[in-house]
Amino acid sequence: MSVSDYFSQFCSNLRMSDSTVSTIQQRYKQITKRINIDYWNSTSDTTHSLYVGSYGRGTDIWTSDIDMIVQLPYATYKKFNNYSGNGQSALLQEVKGVLQKTYSSSYIKGDGQVVGINFTDNINFEIVPAFINDDNRSYTYPDTNNGGSWKTTDPRKEIDAMNERNKDTNKNLKRLCRMARAWKGYCDVPMSGILIDTLAYKFIGQWEYKDKSYLYYDYMSRDFFKYLKDTDTDQNYWLAPGSGRYVWKDKNFQSKAATAYNNSITAIEHESKNQTSTAKLTWRKIYGTKFPS
């Protein structure tokens, strides 16, 4: 196998199975329909909902949480905004009760900013009830913390920005995001999904081989890890693509990136000597068992 072959296989291995995608779509439609029945007097399973988070941006590789927004009528916002104390918490509890009509046997929680539904197969959903703003794009959503408040999010701007740059980079951006998630999971890297996507977006925009094929993915790995390891450890936040919202780091990730960078250099050296098996074993030190052996 060539570099192109095994990185192509790796990227394929990171994609969700058809059955998993089908399960996600079925649950998404059921949740949407339940909301529409109770809030919109409609049986539609497609309107008033939106995939957000990593799944919405097309950069997810596992399914621990599928994030979605469900849009509620403005009258519902007025009702809970008039509460004297934490109407946001009351709203989440109401939506939780609505979803229990469909998912009576599932574990449902309502706290923070989401209503979560946990399924036995671990394909779980986090649902944000929200209200469309006058721009017909952004949303106002409840935050129950610190006595309750309303916040604004514009996930469509992030989705559009990721899609546009992915198109401009021969689909390399989203593949890089998924590869970085494999590294995060295997090497326990303290980075959120949105931080990975934000830094990959910034990196690939100025990478010299951004429109090339799988043949350059060894270089893309090496250069992205160098980009990460050279990031200022004093920097605490970045601006998300499109929306410009703050993306905060949890902990420093530079040392993990430095280890991955050094391993990628070693792997590329093995490749240059036609030591394919050793090269792949070295890539697996970075990316884990989804990388071909």
C-alpha atoms as a PDB file:
ATOM      1  CA  MET A   1       0.000   0.000   0.000  1.00  0.00           C
ATOM      2  CA  SER A   2       1.116   3.564  -0.704  1.00  0.00           C
ATOM      3  CA  VAL A   3       0.776   6.591   1.556  1.00  0.00           C
ATOM      4  CA  SER A   4      -2.294   7.564  -0.453  1.00  0.00           C
ATOM      5  CA  ASP A   5      -3.833   4.106  -0.005  1.00  0.00           C
ATOM      6  CA  TYR A   6      -3.476   3.820   3.739  1.00  0.00           C
ATOM      7  CA  PHE A   7      -4.553   7.359   4.526  1.00  0.00           C
ATOM      8  CA  SER A   8      -7.538   6.882   2.249  1.00  0.00           C
ATOM      9  CA  GLN A   9      -8.388   3.679   4.116  1.00  0.00           C
ATOM     10  CA  PHE A  10      -7.882   5.433   7.453  1.00  0.00           C
ATOM     11  CA  CYS A  11     -10.302   8.221   6.524  1.00  0.00           C
ATOM     12  CA  SER A  12     -12.818   5.634   5.372  1.00  0.00           C
ATOM     13  CA  ASN A  13     -12.438   3.756   8.679  1.00  0.00           C
ATOM     14  CA  LEU A  14     -13.309   6.945  10.575  1.00  0.00           C
ATOM     15  CA  ARG A  15     -16.695   7.371   8.904  1.00  0.00           C
ATOM     16  CA  MET A  16     -19.805   6.211  10.713  1.00  0.00           C
ATOM     17  CA  SER A  17     -21.461   3.065   9.419  1.00  0.00           C
ATOM     18  CA  ASP A  18     -24.625   3.320   7.327  1.00  0.00           C
ATOM     19  CA  SER A  19     -26.597   1.677  10.139  1.00  0.00           C
ATOM     20  CA  THR A  20     -25.347   4.240  12.677  1.00  0.00           C
ATOM     21  CA  VAL A  21     -26.231   7.138  10.378  1.00  0.00           C
ATOM     22  CA  SER A  22     -29.661   5.598   9.801  1.00  0.00           C
ATOM     23  CA  THR A  23     -30.242   5.331  13.567  1.00  0.00           C
ATOM     24  CA  ILE A  24     -29.221   8.962  14.064  1.00  0.00           C
ATOM     25  CA  GLN A  25     -31.529  10.155  11.296  1.00  0.00           C
ATOM     26  CA  GLN A  26     -34.458   8.114  12.642  1.00  0.00           C
ATOM     27  CA  ARG A  27     -34.077   9.517  16.167  1.00  0.00           C
ATOM     28  CA  TYR A  28     -33.580  13.044  14.869  1.00  0.00           C
ATOM     29  CA  LYS A  29     -36.860  12.806  12.978  1.00  0.00           C
ATOM     30  CA  GLN A  30     -38.701  11.311  15.962  1.00  0.00           C
ATOM     31  CA  ILE A  31     -37.481  14.089  18.247  1.00  0.00           C
ATOM     32  CA  THR A  32     -38.401  16.721  15.662  1.00  0.00           C
ATOM     33  CA  LYS A  33     -41.876  15.244  15.188  1.00  0.00           C
ATOM     34  CA  ARG A  34     -42.522  15.145  18.936  1.00  0.00           C
ATOM     35  CA  ILE A  35     -41.587  18.820  19.284  1.00  0.00           C
ATOM     36  CA  ASN A  36     -43.716  19.795  16.286  1.00  0.00           C
ATOM     37  CA  ILE A  37     -46.765  17.939  17.603  1.00  0.00           C
ATOM     38  CA  ASP A  38     -46.654  19.654  20.991  1.00  0.00           C
ATOM     39  CA  TYR A  39     -45.451  23.120  20.011  1.00  0.00           C
ATOM     40  CA  TRP A  40     -46.437  23.669  16.373  1.00  0.00           C
ATOM     41  CA  ASN A  41     -49.576  21.526  15.916  1.00  0.00           C
ATOM     42  CA  SER A  42     -47.745  19.713  13.108  1.00  0.00           C
ATOM     43  CA  THR A  43     -46.618  16.136  12.455  1.00  0.00           C
ATOM     44  CA  SER A  44     -43.605  17.169  10.357  1.00  0.00           C
ATOM     45  CA  ASP A  45     -40.389  15.302  11.181  1.00  0.00           C
ATOM     46  CA  THR A  46     -38.146  17.744   9.321  1.00  0.00           C
ATOM     47  CA  THR A  47     -39.129  21.349  10.156  1.00  0.00           C
ATOM     48  CA  HIS A  48     -37.989  23.386  13.170  1.00  0.00           C
ATOM     49  CA  SER A  49     -34.794  21.393  13.807  1.00  0.00           C
ATOM     50  CA  LEU A  50     -31.121  21.566  12.912  1.00  0.00           C
ATOM     51  CA  TYR A  51     -28.075  19.347  13.424  1.00  0.00           C
ATOM     52  CA  VAL A  52     -25.359  21.335  15.221  1.00  0.00           C
ATOM     53  CA  GLY A  53     -22.067  20.544  16.966  1.00  0.00           C
ATOM     54  CA  SER A  54     -19.512  18.236  15.364  1.00  0.00           C
ATOM     55  CA  TYR A  55     -22.194  16.201  13.608  1.00  0.00           C
ATOM     56  CA  GLY A  56     -23.719  19.324  12.115  1.00  0.00           C
ATOM     57  CA  ARG A  57     -20.302  20.499  10.919  1.00  0.00           C
ATOM     58  CA  GLY A  58     -19.571  17.079   9.411  1.00  0.00           C
ATOM     59  CA  THR A  59     -16.455  16.462  11.494  1.00  0.00           C
ATOM     60  CA  ASP A  60     -17.669  13.824  13.966  1.00  0.00           C
ATOM     61  CA  ILE A  61     -16.258  10.286  14.018  1.00  0.00           C
ATOM     62  CA  TRP A  62     -18.067   8.787  16.988  1.00  0.00           C
ATOM     63  CA  THR A  63     -21.548   9.173  18.324  1.00  0.00           C
ATOM     64  CA  SER A  64     -21.377   9.769  22.057  1.00  0.00           C
ATOM     65  CA  ASP A  65     -23.503  12.897  21.634  1.00  0.00           C
ATOM     66  CA  ILE A  66     -25.485  14.126  18.643  1.00  0.00           C
ATOM     67  CA  ASP A  67     -26.308  17.812  19.091  1.00  0.00           C
ATOM     68  CA  MET A  68     -29.440  19.374  17.658  1.00  0.00           C
ATOM     69  CA  ILE A  69     -31.490  22.542  17.999  1.00  0.00           C
ATOM     70  CA  VAL A  70     -35.283  22.412  18.115  1.00  0.00           C
ATOM     71  CA  GLN A  71     -37.004  25.686  17.369  1.00  0.00           C
ATOM     72  CA  LEU A  72     -39.945  26.663  19.593  1.00  0.00           C
ATOM     73  CA  PRO A  73     -42.573  29.397  18.998  1.00  0.00           C
ATOM     74  CA  TYR A  74     -41.920  32.943  20.195  1.00  0.00           C
ATOM     75  CA  ALA A  75     -44.973  32.707  22.464  1.00  0.00           C
ATOM     76  CA  THR A  76     -43.116  30.021  24.424  1.00  0.00           C
ATOM     77  CA  TYR A  77     -40.164  32.380  24.896  1.00  0.00           C
ATOM     78  CA  LYS A  78     -42.477  35.103  26.213  1.00  0.00           C
ATOM     79  CA  LYS A  79     -44.095  32.648  28.621  1.00  0.00           C
ATOM     80  CA  PHE A  80     -40.828  31.563  30.244  1.00  0.00           C
ATOM     81  CA  ASN A  81     -39.150  34.972  30.019  1.00  0.00           C
ATOM     82  CA  ASN A  82     -41.902  36.303  32.258  1.00  0.00           C
ATOM     83  CA  TYR A  83     -40.999  33.886  35.053  1.00  0.00           C
ATOM     84  CA  SER A  84     -39.754  35.645  38.176  1.00  0.00           C
ATOM     85  CA  GLY A  85     -36.975  33.108  38.648  1.00  0.00           C
ATOM     86  CA  ASN A  86     -35.066  30.845  36.230  1.00  0.00           C
ATOM     87  CA  GLY A  87     -37.667  30.454  33.525  1.00  0.00           C
ATOM     88  CA  GLN A  88     -34.868  28.845  31.547  1.00  0.00           C
ATOM     89  CA  SER A  89     -34.820  25.860  33.903  1.00  0.00           C
ATOM     90  CA  ALA A  90     -38.615  25.604  33.737  1.00  0.00           C
ATOM     91  CA  LEU A  91     -38.414  25.602  29.927  1.00  0.00           C
ATOM     92  CA  LEU A  92     -35.916  22.730  29.902  1.00  0.00           C
ATOM     93  CA  GLN A  93     -38.111  20.747  32.265  1.00  0.00           C
ATOM     94  CA  GLU A  94     -41.137  21.312  30.054  1.00  0.00           C
ATOM     95  CA  VAL A  95     -39.276  20.153  26.939  1.00  0.00           C
ATOM     96  CA  LYS A  96     -37.995  17.160  28.889  1.00  0.00           C
ATOM     97  CA  GLY A  97     -41.585  16.255  29.735  1.00  0.00           C
ATOM     98  CA  VAL A  98     -42.640  16.590  26.097  1.00  0.00           C
ATOM     99  CA  LEU A  99     -39.869  14.254  24.921  1.00  0.00           C
ATOM    100  CA  GLN A 100     -40.763  11.706  27.599  1.00  0.00           C
ATOM    101  CA  LYS A 101     -44.032  11.154  25.744  1.00  0.00           C
ATOM    102  CA  THR A 102     -41.996   9.513  22.968  1.00  0.00           C
ATOM    103  CA  TYR A 103     -39.047   8.239  25.004  1.00  0.00           C
ATOM    104  CA  SER A 104     -40.674   7.060  28.223  1.00  0.00           C
ATOM    105  CA  SER A 105     -38.193   4.207  28.701  1.00  0.00           C
ATOM    106  CA  SER A 106     -35.028   6.231  27.977  1.00  0.00           C
ATOM    107  CA  TYR A 107     -33.018   8.232  30.485  1.00  0.00           C
ATOM    108  CA  ILE A 108     -33.750  11.923  29.904  1.00  0.00           C
ATOM    109  CA  LYS A 109     -32.024  14.775  31.718  1.00  0.00           C
ATOM    110  CA  GLY A 110     -32.601  18.510  31.501  1.00  0.00           C
ATOM    111  CA  ASP A 111     -29.882  20.762  32.841  1.00  0.00           C
ATOM    112  CA  GLY A 112     -27.439  23.488  31.862  1.00  0.00           C
ATOM    113  CA  GLN A 113     -28.395  24.340  28.294  1.00  0.00           C
ATOM    114  CA  VAL A 114     -29.685  21.031  26.928  1.00  0.00           C
ATOM    115  CA  VAL A 115     -32.146  18.209  27.302  1.00  0.00           C
ATOM    116  CA  GLY A 116     -30.222  14.957  26.955  1.00  0.00           C
ATOM    117  CA  ILE A 117     -31.586  11.594  25.898  1.00  0.00           C
ATOM    118  CA  ASN A 118     -29.357   8.608  26.653  1.00  0.00           C
ATOM    119  CA  PHE A 119     -29.951   5.438  24.656  1.00  0.00           C
ATOM    120  CA  THR A 120     -28.705   1.958  25.473  1.00  0.00           C
ATOM    121  CA  ASP A 121     -26.537   1.857  22.328  1.00  0.00           C
ATOM    122  CA  ASN A 122     -24.743   5.060  23.448  1.00  0.00           C
ATOM    123  CA  ILE A 123     -25.927   7.027  20.405  1.00  0.00           C
ATOM    124  CA  ASN A 124     -27.153   9.830  22.645  1.00  0.00           C
ATOM    125  CA  PHE A 125     -28.756  13.164  21.816  1.00  0.00           C
ATOM    126  CA  GLU A 126     -28.320  16.596  23.352  1.00  0.00           C
ATOM    127  CA  ILE A 127     -31.231  18.843  22.392  1.00  0.00           C
ATOM    128  CA  VAL A 128     -31.156  22.625  22.705  1.00  0.00           C
ATOM    129  CA  PRO A 129     -34.611  24.248  22.694  1.00  0.00           C
ATOM    130  CA  ALA A 130     -34.237  27.636  21.032  1.00  0.00           C
ATOM    131  CA  PHE A 131     -36.023  30.558  19.395  1.00  0.00           C
ATOM    132  CA  ILE A 132     -35.177  31.916  15.957  1.00  0.00           C
ATOM    133  CA  ASN A 133     -34.042  35.545  15.955  1.00  0.00           C
ATOM    134  CA  ASP A 134     -35.089  38.334  13.581  1.00  0.00           C
ATOM    135  CA  ASP A 135     -32.188  37.591  11.240  1.00  0.00           C
ATOM    136  CA  ASN A 136     -33.835  34.192  10.619  1.00  0.00           C
ATOM    137  CA  ARG A 137     -30.456  32.480  11.204  1.00  0.00           C
ATOM    138  CA  SER A 138     -29.277  32.825  14.794  1.00  0.00           C
ATOM    139  CA  TYR A 139     -31.037  31.489  17.875  1.00  0.00           C
ATOM    140  CA  THR A 140     -31.728  32.536  21.448  1.00  0.00           C
ATOM    141  CA  TYR A 141     -31.426  29.614  23.863  1.00  0.00           C
ATOM    142  CA  PRO A 142     -31.756  29.073  27.620  1.00  0.00           C
ATOM    143  CA  ASP A 143     -28.875  28.776  30.059  1.00  0.00           C
ATOM    144  CA  THR A 144     -30.025  27.594  33.490  1.00  0.00           C
ATOM    145  CA  ASN A 145     -26.716  28.346  35.235  1.00  0.00           C
ATOM    146  CA  ASN A 146     -26.330  31.206  37.744  1.00  0.00           C
ATOM    147  CA  GLY A 147     -30.033  31.844  38.109  1.00  0.00           C
ATOM    148  CA  GLY A 148     -30.849  31.581  34.417  1.00  0.00           C
ATOM    149  CA  SER A 149     -30.213  33.740  31.331  1.00  0.00           C
ATOM    150  CA  TRP A 150     -30.732  33.818  27.567  1.00  0.00           C
ATOM    151  CA  LYS A 151     -27.807  33.428  25.188  1.00  0.00           C
ATOM    152  CA  THR A 152     -27.343  33.630  21.423  1.00  0.00           C
ATOM    153  CA  THR A 153     -25.774  31.150  19.014  1.00  0.00           C
ATOM    154  CA  ASP A 154     -25.308  31.124  15.241  1.00  0.00           C
ATOM    155  CA  PRO A 155     -24.382  27.562  14.266  1.00  0.00           C
ATOM    156  CA  ARG A 156     -25.312  28.080  10.620  1.00  0.00           C
ATOM    157  CA  LYS A 157     -22.422  30.526  10.193  1.00  0.00           C
ATOM    158  CA  GLU A 158     -20.017  27.894  11.524  1.00  0.00           C
ATOM    159  CA  ILE A 159     -21.505  25.151   9.337  1.00  0.00           C
ATOM    160  CA  ASP A 160     -21.370  27.390   6.247  1.00  0.00           C
ATOM    161  CA  ALA A 161     -17.774  28.439   6.934  1.00  0.00           C
ATOM    162  CA  MET A 162     -16.644  24.829   7.387  1.00  0.00           C
ATOM    163  CA  ASN A 163     -18.476  23.689   4.240  1.00  0.00           C
ATOM    164  CA  GLU A 164     -17.028  26.492   2.138  1.00  0.00           C
ATOM    165  CA  ARG A 165     -13.427  25.911   3.231  1.00  0.00           C
ATOM    166  CA  ASN A 166     -13.875  22.142   2.903  1.00  0.00           C
ATOM    167  CA  LYS A 167     -14.958  22.681  -0.706  1.00  0.00           C
ATOM    168  CA  ASP A 168     -11.996  24.991  -1.346  1.00  0.00           C
ATOM    169  CA  THR A 169      -9.543  22.428   0.071  1.00  0.00           C
ATOM    170  CA  ASN A 170     -10.608  19.347  -1.896  1.00  0.00           C
ATOM    171  CA  LYS A 171     -12.497  17.986   1.171  1.00  0.00           C
ATOM    172  CA  ASN A 172      -9.249  17.948   3.137  1.00  0.00           C
ATOM    173  CA  LEU A 173     -10.493  20.165   5.984  1.00  0.00           C
ATOM    174  CA  LYS A 174     -13.155  17.810   7.336  1.00  0.00           C
ATOM    175  CA  ARG A 175     -10.912  14.779   6.859  1.00  0.00           C
ATOM    176  CA  LEU A 176      -8.201  16.524   8.873  1.00  0.00           C
ATOM    177  CA  CYS A 177     -10.744  17.313  11.611  1.00  0.00           C
ATOM    178  CA  ARG A 178     -11.784  13.664  11.788  1.00  0.00           C
ATOM    179  CA  MET A 179      -8.161  12.460  11.819  1.00  0.00           C
ATOM    180  CA  ALA A 180      -7.417  14.893  14.644  1.00  0.00           C
ATOM    181  CA  ARG A 181     -10.369  13.489  16.582  1.00  0.00           C
ATOM    182  CA  ALA A 182      -8.877  10.007  16.247  1.00  0.00           C
ATOM    183  CA  TRP A 183      -5.602  11.384  17.659  1.00  0.00           C
ATOM    184  CA  LYS A 184      -7.495  13.143  20.454  1.00  0.00           C
ATOM    185  CA  GLY A 185      -9.296   9.944  21.423  1.00  0.00           C
ATOM    186  CA  TYR A 186      -6.289   7.639  21.203  1.00  0.00           C
ATOM    187  CA  CYS A 187      -3.770   9.954  22.880  1.00  0.00           C
ATOM    188  CA  ASP A 188      -6.170  11.602  25.347  1.00  0.00           C
ATOM    189  CA  VAL A 189      -5.577  15.113  24.022  1.00  0.00           C
ATOM    190  CA  PRO A 190      -7.372  17.864  26.000  1.00  0.00           C
ATOM    191  CA  MET A 191      -9.117  19.534  23.056  1.00  0.00           C
ATOM    192  CA  SER A 192     -12.829  20.001  22.405  1.00  0.00           C
ATOM    193  CA  GLY A 193     -14.330  19.193  19.028  1.00  0.00           C
ATOM    194  CA  ILE A 194     -14.937  22.862  18.202  1.00  0.00           C
ATOM    195  CA  LEU A 195     -11.327  23.723  19.136  1.00  0.00           C
ATOM    196  CA  ILE A 196     -10.034  21.024  16.792  1.00  0.00           C
ATOM    197  CA  ASP A 197     -12.258  22.312  13.999  1.00  0.00           C
ATOM    198  CA  THR A 198     -11.268  25.933  14.624  1.00  0.00           C
ATOM    199  CA  LEU A 199      -7.522  25.257  14.568  1.00  0.00           C
ATOM    200  CA  ALA A 200      -7.762  22.889  11.591  1.00  0.00           C
ATOM    201  CA  TYR A 201      -9.738  25.588   9.735  1.00  0.00           C
ATOM    202  CA  LYS A 202      -7.051  28.179  10.458  1.00  0.00           C
ATOM    203  CA  PHE A 203      -4.171  25.825   9.625  1.00  0.00           C
ATOM    204  CA  ILE A 204      -5.441  24.498   6.322  1.00  0.00           C
ATOM    205  CA  GLY A 205      -6.392  27.934   5.040  1.00  0.00           C
ATOM    206  CA  GLN A 206      -2.690  28.785   4.708  1.00  0.00           C
ATOM    207  CA  TRP A 207      -1.254  25.284   4.114  1.00  0.00           C
ATOM    208  CA  GLU A 208       0.603  25.084   0.806  1.00  0.00           C
ATOM    209  CA  TYR A 209      -0.810  21.680  -0.195  1.00  0.00           C
ATOM    210  CA  LYS A 210      -4.385  22.351   0.914  1.00  0.00           C
ATOM    211  CA  ASP A 211      -5.938  21.267  -2.403  1.00  0.00           C
ATOM    212  CA  LYS A 212      -3.886  18.082  -2.868  1.00  0.00           C
ATOM    213  CA  SER A 213      -4.971  14.472  -2.411  1.00  0.00           C
ATOM    214  CA  TYR A 214      -4.396  11.667   0.111  1.00  0.00           C
ATOM    215  CA  LEU A 215      -0.811  11.417  -1.159  1.00  0.00           C
ATOM    216  CA  TYR A 216      -0.010  14.481   0.958  1.00  0.00           C
ATOM    217  CA  TYR A 217      -1.754  13.372   4.155  1.00  0.00           C
ATOM    218  CA  ASP A 218       1.489  12.348   5.821  1.00  0.00           C
ATOM    219  CA  TYR A 219       2.725  15.907   5.289  1.00  0.00           C
ATOM    220  CA  MET A 220      -0.648  17.308   6.361  1.00  0.00           C
ATOM    221  CA  SER A 221      -0.419  15.361   9.611  1.00  0.00           C
ATOM    222  CA  ARG A 222       3.154  16.450  10.261  1.00  0.00           C
ATOM    223  CA  ASP A 223       2.497  20.103   9.456  1.00  0.00           C
ATOM    224  CA  PHE A 224      -0.737  20.287  11.455  1.00  0.00           C
ATOM    225  CA  PHE A 225       0.954  18.824  14.527  1.00  0.00           C
ATOM    226  CA  LYS A 226       3.774  21.353  14.084  1.00  0.00           C
ATOM    227  CA  TYR A 227       1.166  24.116  13.869  1.00  0.00           C
ATOM    228  CA  LEU A 228      -0.408  22.902  17.114  1.00  0.00           C
ATOM    229  CA  LYS A 229       2.850  22.409  19.014  1.00  0.00           C
ATOM    230  CA  ASP A 230       4.046  25.899  18.038  1.00  0.00           C
ATOM    231  CA  THR A 231       0.844  27.547  19.277  1.00  0.00           C
ATOM    232  CA  ASP A 232       1.472  29.988  22.126  1.00  0.00           C
ATOM    233  CA  THR A 233       0.749  28.178  25.404  1.00  0.00           C
ATOM    234  CA  ASP A 234      -0.470  31.479  26.890  1.00  0.00           C
ATOM    235  CA  GLN A 235      -3.295  31.771  24.369  1.00  0.00           C
ATOM    236  CA  ASN A 236      -6.557  30.751  26.031  1.00  0.00           C
ATOM    237  CA  TYR A 237      -9.156  31.188  23.295  1.00  0.00           C
ATOM    238  CA  TRP A 238      -9.694  31.400  19.544  1.00  0.00           C
ATOM    239  CA  LEU A 239     -12.590  32.621  17.387  1.00  0.00           C
ATOM    240  CA  ALA A 240     -14.765  29.966  15.771  1.00  0.00           C
ATOM    241  CA  PRO A 241     -15.038  29.965  11.960  1.00  0.00           C
ATOM    242  CA  GLY A 242     -18.001  31.952  10.704  1.00  0.00           C
ATOM    243  CA  SER A 243     -19.625  32.863  14.003  1.00  0.00           C
ATOM    244  CA  GLY A 244     -16.559  34.357  15.682  1.00  0.00           C
ATOM    245  CA  ARG A 245     -17.654  33.032  19.081  1.00  0.00           C
ATOM    246  CA  TYR A 246     -14.996  32.397  21.703  1.00  0.00           C
ATOM    247  CA  VAL A 247     -13.574  28.863  21.733  1.00  0.00           C
ATOM    248  CA  TRP A 248     -11.756  28.278  25.014  1.00  0.00           C
ATOM    249  CA  LYS A 249      -9.076  25.690  25.666  1.00  0.00           C
ATOM    250  CA  ASP A 250      -9.343  23.325  28.603  1.00  0.00           C
ATOM    251  CA  LYS A 251      -5.662  22.581  29.067  1.00  0.00           C
ATOM    252  CA  ASN A 252      -2.495  22.966  27.039  1.00  0.00           C
ATOM    253  CA  PHE A 253      -2.284  20.471  24.170  1.00  0.00           C
ATOM    254  CA  GLN A 254       1.124  21.483  22.818  1.00  0.00           C
ATOM    255  CA  SER A 255       3.169  18.707  24.425  1.00  0.00           C
ATOM    256  CA  LYS A 256       0.868  16.017  23.010  1.00  0.00           C
ATOM    257  CA  ALA A 257       1.124  17.708  19.619  1.00  0.00           C
ATOM    258  CA  ALA A 258       4.926  17.747  19.876  1.00  0.00           C
ATOM    259  CA  THR A 259       4.957  13.988  20.503  1.00  0.00           C
ATOM    260  CA  ALA A 260       2.670  13.439  17.497  1.00  0.00           C
ATOM    261  CA  TYR A 261       4.861  15.714  15.378  1.00  0.00           C
ATOM    262  CA  ASN A 262       7.998  13.744  16.257  1.00  0.00           C
ATOM    263  CA  ASN A 263       6.237  10.462  15.519  1.00  0.00           C
ATOM    264  CA  SER A 264       5.028  11.779  12.168  1.00  0.00           C
ATOM    265  CA  ILE A 265       8.581  12.722  11.200  1.00  0.00           C
ATOM    266  CA  THR A 266       9.695   9.188  12.131  1.00  0.00           C
ATOM    267  CA  ALA A 267       6.866   7.656  10.104  1.00  0.00           C
ATOM    268  CA  ILE A 268       7.751   9.749   7.052  1.00  0.00           C
ATOM    269  CA  GLU A 269      11.413   8.674   7.374  1.00  0.00           C
ATOM    270  CA  HIS A 270      10.300   5.025   7.353  1.00  0.00           C
ATOM    271  CA  GLU A 271       8.192   5.729   4.272  1.00  0.00           C
ATOM    272  CA  SER A 272      11.188   7.232   2.477  1.00  0.00           C
ATOM    273  CA  LYS A 273      13.060   3.978   3.060  1.00  0.00           C
ATOM    274  CA  ASN A 274      10.102   1.875   1.830  1.00  0.00           C
ATOM    275  CA  GLN A 275       9.632   0.522   5.358  1.00  0.00           C
ATOM    276  CA  THR A 276       5.860   0.560   4.976  1.00  0.00           C
ATOM    277  CA  SER A 277       4.958  -1.720   7.872  1.00  0.00           C
ATOM    278  CA  THR A 278       7.095   0.236  10.334  1.00  0.00           C
ATOM    279  CA  ALA A 279       5.705   3.510   9.005  1.00  0.00           C
ATOM    280  CA  LYS A 280       2.137   2.357   9.564  1.00  0.00           C
ATOM    281  CA  LEU A 281       2.937   1.142  13.068  1.00  0.00           C
ATOM    282  CA  THR A 282       4.308   4.604  13.824  1.00  0.00           C
ATOM    283  CA  TRP A 283       1.200   6.297  12.455  1.00  0.00           C
ATOM    284  CA  ARG A 284      -0.853   4.015  14.704  1.00  0.00           C
ATOM    285  CA  LYS A 285       1.025   5.456  17.703  1.00  0.00           C
ATOM    286  CA  ILE A 286      -0.612   8.749  16.736  1.00  0.00           C
ATOM    287  CA  TYR A 287      -3.992   7.763  15.364  1.00  0.00           C
ATOM    288  CA  GLY A 288      -4.776   4.455  17.011  1.00  0.00           C
ATOM    289  CA  THR A 289      -6.300   1.240  15.742  1.00  0.00           C
ATOM    290  CA  LYS A 290      -8.444   2.797  13.011  1.00  0.00           C
ATOM    291  CA  PHE A 291      -5.218   3.397  11.078  1.00  0.00           C
ATOM    292  CA  PRO A 292      -4.426   0.409   8.791  1.00  0.00           C
ATOM    293  CA  SER A 293      -1.850  -2.026  10.167  1.00  0.00           C
END
